[in-house]
C-alpha atoms as a PDB file:
ATOM      1  CA  MET A   1      -9.974   2.337  -5.330  1.00  0.00           C
ATOM      2  CA  VAL A   2     -11.165   1.009  -8.672  1.00  0.00           C
ATOM      3  CA  LEU A   3      -9.125   3.386 -10.846  1.00  0.00           C
ATOM      4  CA  PRO A   4      -5.706   2.624  -9.297  1.00  0.00           C
ATOM      5  CA  ALA A   5      -6.534  -1.103  -9.413  1.00  0.00           C
ATOM      6  CA  LEU A   6      -7.455  -0.934 -13.096  1.00  0.00           C
ATOM      7  CA  LEU A   7      -4.389   1.162 -13.882  1.00  0.00           C
ATOM      8  CA  ALA A   8      -2.127  -1.302 -12.046  1.00  0.00           C
ATOM      9  CA  LEU A   9      -3.667  -4.245 -13.866  1.00  0.00           C
ATOM     10  CA  TYR A  10      -3.399  -2.466 -17.222  1.00  0.00           C
ATOM     11  CA  GLU A  11       0.255  -1.569 -16.686  1.00  0.00           C
ATOM     12  CA  TYR A  12       1.024  -5.107 -15.502  1.00  0.00           C
ATOM     13  CA  LEU A  13      -0.609  -6.629 -18.560  1.00  0.00           C
ATOM     14  CA  LEU A  14       1.387  -4.275 -20.798  1.00  0.00           C
ATOM     15  CA  LEU A  15       4.655  -5.159 -19.062  1.00  0.00           C
ATOM     16  CA  THR A  16       4.094  -8.895 -19.274  1.00  0.00           C
ATOM     17  CA  GLY A  17       2.997  -8.889 -22.905  1.00  0.00           C
ATOM     18  CA  TRP A  18      -0.644  -9.889 -22.473  1.00  0.00           C
ATOM     19  CA  LEU A  19      -1.783  -6.665 -24.212  1.00  0.00           C
ATOM     20  CA  GLY A  20       0.791  -6.451 -26.934  1.00  0.00           C
ATOM     21  CA  ASP A  21       4.492  -6.972 -27.401  1.00  0.00           C
ATOM     22  CA  GLU A  22       6.686  -6.978 -24.265  1.00  0.00           C
ATOM     23  CA  SER A  23       9.377  -5.028 -26.084  1.00  0.00           C
ATOM     24  CA  THR A  24       7.088  -2.010 -26.465  1.00  0.00           C
ATOM     25  CA  ALA A  25       6.715  -1.734 -22.689  1.00  0.00           C
ATOM     26  CA  GLN A  26       8.941   1.046 -21.438  1.00  0.00           C
ATOM     27  CA  GLY A  27      10.045   2.564 -18.165  1.00  0.00           C
ATOM     28  CA  ARG A  28       6.977   4.755 -17.988  1.00  0.00           C
ATOM     29  CA  HIS A  29       4.819   1.637 -17.721  1.00  0.00           C
ATOM     30  CA  MET A  30       7.011   0.392 -14.878  1.00  0.00           C
ATOM     31  CA  LEU A  31       6.653   3.754 -13.151  1.00  0.00           C
ATOM     32  CA  GLY A  32       2.903   3.743 -13.779  1.00  0.00           C
ATOM     33  CA  LEU A  33       2.642   0.299 -12.202  1.00  0.00           C
ATOM     34  CA  ALA A  34       4.663   1.366  -9.169  1.00  0.00           C
ATOM     35  CA  VAL A  35       2.651   4.557  -8.617  1.00  0.00           C
ATOM     36  CA  ALA A  36      -0.679   2.757  -9.096  1.00  0.00           C
ATOM     37  CA  LEU A  37       0.235   0.073  -6.555  1.00  0.00           C
ATOM     38  CA  PHE A  38       1.451   2.643  -4.017  1.00  0.00           C
ATOM     39  CA  VAL A  39      -1.734   4.714  -4.362  1.00  0.00           C
ATOM     40  CA  LEU A  40      -3.893   1.585  -4.324  1.00  0.00           C
ATOM     41  CA  VAL A  41      -2.640   0.580  -0.883  1.00  0.00           C
ATOM     42  CA  GLN A  42      -2.850   4.161   0.417  1.00  0.00           C
ATOM     43  CA  VAL A  43      -6.458   4.637  -0.701  1.00  0.00           C
ATOM     44  CA  ASN A  44      -7.803   1.528   1.019  1.00  0.00           C
ATOM     45  CA  TRP A  45      -6.203  -1.288   2.981  1.00  0.00           C
ATOM     46  CA  ALA A  46      -7.989  -3.811   0.741  1.00  0.00           C
ATOM     47  CA  GLY A  47      -5.648  -2.665  -2.041  1.00  0.00           C
ATOM     48  CA  VAL A  48      -3.024  -4.941  -0.471  1.00  0.00           C
ATOM     49  CA  PHE A  49      -5.003  -7.907  -1.764  1.00  0.00           C
ATOM     50  CA  TYR A  50      -5.050  -6.544  -5.327  1.00  0.00           C
ATOM     51  CA  ALA A  51      -1.298  -6.014  -5.188  1.00  0.00           C
ATOM     52  CA  PHE A  52      -0.810  -9.475  -3.696  1.00  0.00           C
ATOM     53  CA  VAL A  53      -2.823 -11.200  -6.428  1.00  0.00           C
ATOM     54  CA  ILE A  54      -0.963  -9.415  -9.211  1.00  0.00           C
ATOM     55  CA  GLY A  55       2.365 -10.289  -7.568  1.00  0.00           C
ATOM     56  CA  VAL A  56       1.440 -13.954  -7.080  1.00  0.00           C
ATOM     57  CA  HIS A  57       0.295 -14.179 -10.694  1.00  0.00           C
ATOM     58  CA  HIS A  58       3.643 -12.822 -11.846  1.00  0.00           C
ATOM     59  CA  ALA A  59       5.602 -15.152  -9.534  1.00  0.00           C
ATOM     60  CA  VAL A  60       3.691 -18.222 -10.759  1.00  0.00           C
ATOM     61  CA  ARG A  61       4.138 -17.114 -14.348  1.00  0.00           C
ATOM     62  CA  CYS A  62       7.883 -16.716 -13.798  1.00  0.00           C
ATOM     63  CA  LEU A  63       8.113 -20.163 -12.194  1.00  0.00           C
ATOM     64  CA  MET A  64       6.236 -21.780 -15.049  1.00  0.00           C
ATOM     65  CA  ARG A  65       8.382 -20.077 -17.698  1.00  0.00           C
ATOM     66  CA  ARG A  66      11.567 -20.510 -15.620  1.00  0.00           C
ATOM     67  CA  GLN A  67      12.450 -16.913 -16.371  1.00  0.00           C
ATOM     68  CA  VAL A  68      12.404 -14.276 -13.634  1.00  0.00           C
ATOM     69  CA  ARG A  69      11.986 -10.639 -14.609  1.00  0.00           C
ATOM     70  CA  TRP A  70      13.456  -8.904 -11.576  1.00  0.00           C
ATOM     71  CA  LYS A  71      12.519  -5.382 -12.640  1.00  0.00           C
ATOM     72  CA  VAL A  72       8.837  -6.233 -12.852  1.00  0.00           C
ATOM     73  CA  MET A  73       9.027  -8.240  -9.624  1.00  0.00           C
ATOM     74  CA  THR A  74      10.614  -5.255  -7.883  1.00  0.00           C
ATOM     75  CA  ALA A  75       8.009  -2.886  -9.337  1.00  0.00           C
ATOM     76  CA  LEU A  76       5.305  -5.169  -7.955  1.00  0.00           C
ATOM     77  CA  ALA A  77       6.708  -5.756  -4.475  1.00  0.00           C
ATOM     78  CA  LEU A  78       8.533  -2.586  -3.431  1.00  0.00           C
ATOM     79  CA  PRO A  79       5.791   0.078  -3.829  1.00  0.00           C
ATOM     80  CA  SER A  80       3.181  -2.090  -2.139  1.00  0.00           C
ATOM     81  CA  LEU A  81       5.416  -2.868   0.823  1.00  0.00           C
ATOM     82  CA  LEU A  82       6.538   0.759   1.090  1.00  0.00           C
ATOM     83  CA  SER A  83       2.942   1.959   1.084  1.00  0.00           C
ATOM     84  CA  LEU A  84       1.989  -0.635   3.693  1.00  0.00           C
ATOM     85  CA  GLY A  85       4.933   0.486   5.830  1.00  0.00           C
ATOM     86  CA  VAL A  86       3.845   4.129   5.574  1.00  0.00           C
ATOM     87  CA  SER A  87       0.305   3.194   6.598  1.00  0.00           C
ATOM     88  CA  PHE A  88       1.463   1.126   9.571  1.00  0.00           C
ATOM     89  CA  SER A  89       3.923   3.765  10.739  1.00  0.00           C
ATOM     90  CA  MET A  90       1.188   6.415  10.629  1.00  0.00           C
ATOM     91  CA  MET A  91      -1.096   4.170  12.665  1.00  0.00           C
ATOM     92  CA  VAL A  92       1.631   3.539  15.245  1.00  0.00           C
ATOM     93  CA  TRP A  93       2.490   7.242  15.416  1.00  0.00           C
ATOM     94  CA  GLY A  94      -1.163   8.166  15.838  1.00  0.00           C
ATOM     95  CA  MET A  95      -1.686   5.658  18.623  1.00  0.00           C
ATOM     96  CA  SER A  96       1.532   6.605  20.421  1.00  0.00           C
ATOM     97  CA  ASN A  97       0.535  10.285  20.362  1.00  0.00           C
ATOM     98  CA  ASN A  98      -2.988   9.460  21.507  1.00  0.00           C
ATOM     99  CA  ILE A  99      -4.541  10.787  18.316  1.00  0.00           C
ATOM    100  CA  ALA A 100      -7.757   8.868  17.893  1.00  0.00           C
ATOM    101  CA  VAL A 101     -11.455   9.554  17.759  1.00  0.00           C
ATOM    102  CA  GLU A 102     -12.039   7.850  21.078  1.00  0.00           C
ATOM    103  CA  ALA A 103      -8.949   9.364  22.738  1.00  0.00           C
ATOM    104  CA  ALA A 104     -10.957  11.859  24.810  1.00  0.00           C
ATOM    105  CA  ALA A 105     -13.070   9.073  26.277  1.00  0.00           C
ATOM    106  CA  ARG A 106      -9.998   7.055  27.240  1.00  0.00           C
ATOM    107  CA  ALA A 107      -7.854   9.893  28.575  1.00  0.00           C
ATOM    108  CA  PRO A 108      -5.694   9.006  31.585  1.00  0.00           C
ATOM    109  CA  ALA A 109      -6.545  10.408  34.994  1.00  0.00           C
ATOM    110  CA  ASP A 110      -3.653  12.885  34.728  1.00  0.00           C
ATOM    111  CA  TYR A 111      -5.474  14.723  31.951  1.00  0.00           C
ATOM    112  CA  VAL A 112      -8.700  15.116  33.874  1.00  0.00           C
ATOM    113  CA  ARG A 113      -8.885  18.557  35.388  1.00  0.00           C
ATOM    114  CA  VAL A 114     -10.099  18.369  38.966  1.00  0.00           C
ATOM    115  CA  SER A 115     -11.083  21.543  40.715  1.00  0.00           C
ATOM    116  CA  PRO A 116      -9.245  21.968  44.003  1.00  0.00           C
ATOM    117  CA  THR A 117     -11.217  21.582  47.140  1.00  0.00           C
ATOM    118  CA  PRO A 118     -12.027  24.879  48.787  1.00  0.00           C
ATOM    119  CA  PRO A 119     -10.011  25.655  51.892  1.00  0.00           C
ATOM    120  CA  ALA A 120     -11.832  25.031  55.122  1.00  0.00           C
END
């Protein structure tokens, strides 16, 4: 989880000009930021907080400068929300199909095989 977080922070700092000139930041840095944020949320659910903090920092910075950079804002929000949606949909699918570690212990009575009583 540390490597995608560091990569996302590095790409964000490049895009916002904290590590050099903003004009040198290219589309590959935007793509790197998007991929790092998507992987960060997929690796561990706590990655949502890293993505949230970076996004809030950018939003506050835009409000203070009164200049919104929509491409960077989209690259911060969309991959994180997409990754969170994929994670939630997989959890819902797994629970609806009764795929869980404890599923055998909580199986409905229909799944329990009962031997028929011998004829009298």
